[in-house]
Amino acid sequence: MRKLFCACLCSLFWVTARSQSTNIPLNKDTYHWIDRFEIKKGTLNEEFQSEIKPYTRKAIGRFTDSLAIDESSYSLQDRANLRYLLEDNWEWASDARTKNLRGVWNALYKKRSDFFQYQDQQKIFQVHVNPVLYLSYGGESDRNLSTYTNTRGIQIRGMIDNKVGFYTFLGENQARFPGYVRDYILDKSVVPGEGFWKNFGTQGNDFFTATGYISFNVTKHINFQLGHDRQYWGNGYRSMVLSDFSPPSLFLKINTHIWKLNYTNLFTQVFADAFGRRGASISGTKFPKKYMVAHRLGMNIGKHVNLGIYEQVVFGREDLQGNNHFSLTYLNPIIFYRSVEQQNGSTDNSFLGIDAKWNFLNQFSLYGQWIFDELIIKEFINRTGWWGNKFGYQLGLKYIDAFRINNLDLQLEFNSARPYTYSHRSIYSSYDNYRQPLAHPLGANFKEFISIVRYQPLPKLSIYGKIIRTTYGLDTLGVNFGNDILKNYDTREQDFGNFTGQGVSTQLTFLDLVATYQLYHNLFIDLNTVYRKQTSELARFENESFIYSLALRWNIARRLQEF
């Protein structure tokens, strides 16, 4: 696949590239501000479609620049958020809306968002350099060990010849996570959201994080990105299609945005397995690979509604030498993948889906997703509980400036996935990466309610409250009720009579309260408290804890482990 990507890249450089942009790193707090401005504006944005994340800096720079020059209609908090977005993407915003600073030693922080930046007068070369720091310390009620995070890194982005953009992030991490996360690591032999890891100290983990990509436009409306990073598809707090829960992966993304249409092709290489033991990943072993291809066509209907359809396929085939090859038939960017999958002998895992969003009354956004794998209408109508009716769905509502209180935003969301959804006959076609789900963190066989309150009483202070209530059915050793997507669905317990939540009935309550204060641009201090309780039919799955932490973050998003 690397050779394939290189061939594509070389051929594309023969095409005259145009001005392009890197992405805004995935960050639920920043992205909420962007979505809030779109809802408040009252009409769908024409620069990007919010279902496909990450957003490009160029699109957000232009979008925020297009908002009312007269900011008197905005609250103090909204004006601060707008200035943040303009300054964070200043190279794509109007010069009149951002400020040049004297800086430190006339070299550092000449722009509020950049520790160091350089741009020559001819705009041949532009670079932005920012250090990354994440220091946290805390504890929990039911464990004697303290928790901590120690991340040091660097973030570099820039542009060459005003045509090719580049981005890279490098971070060295040591952490001791709360007990439920450590239990996950012991069970799965992986660190959530990360790749290769090893033990560190007493029940701690050491891991290295690296992402990077290049970006260029081959025409005014077609953008290519090639690299190693996370993707996120959807408008919800969770995604039933593609989330940022699993580690970054090798990808080629083609985004075509013209008129009211946005068409996205995504080709990725992920890992079918990650060999590990209780102490670390196993080095010196080649982890098996597989591939995921996806495309989505979205359209703005009028000024308030967006509809999208998408299709995804996961596949992998090993030859006698253990090598895994990409199926070239999936390279066609405008073909119906299901037809290709059938011609391959239906050995691959494909599913279809739709999504929708409706922004209305300048305060509300109603959104949803629905994915289905196999669906027999007769079995569905007769409610037979046939195992093959595999589908998941999401329904959510955002309400900004609730009850006429400035910057009080509410969000309600419901997510559900039937048993055996996302699973297949082998690890080469299950919907996961590095033993971690590509969509919802809980895999399948669950129902989840999420309530979120976001309040910004001061321009630099934000308070977030969250309640997650989940009911799901767990699998036990040698038993497959459809929760673990890594298991072969041919080992299912029954063909009929299946229902969401079957298996070991388990309930999870997750309460989260965060206060975050922005000391300077992208420099935050967070006070976080979490109450987590899991009850189950089996006592060994039960636990309850109160978790607290204090963190200092610099140019990095909060680490979320909400499962």
Foldseek 3Di string as FASTA:
>chain_A
DVVVVVVVVVVLVVFDWAFDFAFDPDFVVLVVLVVLVCLLVFFHQQLDDSQWDDDTLLSQQVVLQPPDPPCPVADPQNVLSSLLSCLLSVVNHDPVSFDQDCADVSAAPSGQNARGWDADPQRQKIKGKFKWWKWKWWDKDPDPDIKIKTKTWMKMWIDGHSFKIKIKIKIKIKIQDPPVQLVVCQVQVDRWQFAWWFDDDDNMIIGMAMWMWMKTGSDPFKIKIWIWAAIGGGDDPFFQPFHSGHYTWTWIKIWGRDDQKIKIKIKTKFFLAFDHHSGTTDPPDDTHIKIKIKMKMWGDDPGFKIKMKMKMKIAWDADPVRDIDDDCVVVPRPDDVVVVCVVVVVPIFMKMKMKMWGRDPSFKIKIKMKIFGDCDPVCVVVVFAFQRRWMKMKIKMKGACPPVNHGKIKMKMKIATFALHQAAQASRHRQAGHQAHRGGRQAHLKIKIKIKIWHDPDSFKIKIKMKMKMKGADADVQAGLRRRRRDHCVSHPDRTDRDRRPHWIKMKIKIKIKMWGDPGSQWIKIWIKIWIFMDTPDPVRTDTMIMIMIMIIHNDHDDDDDD
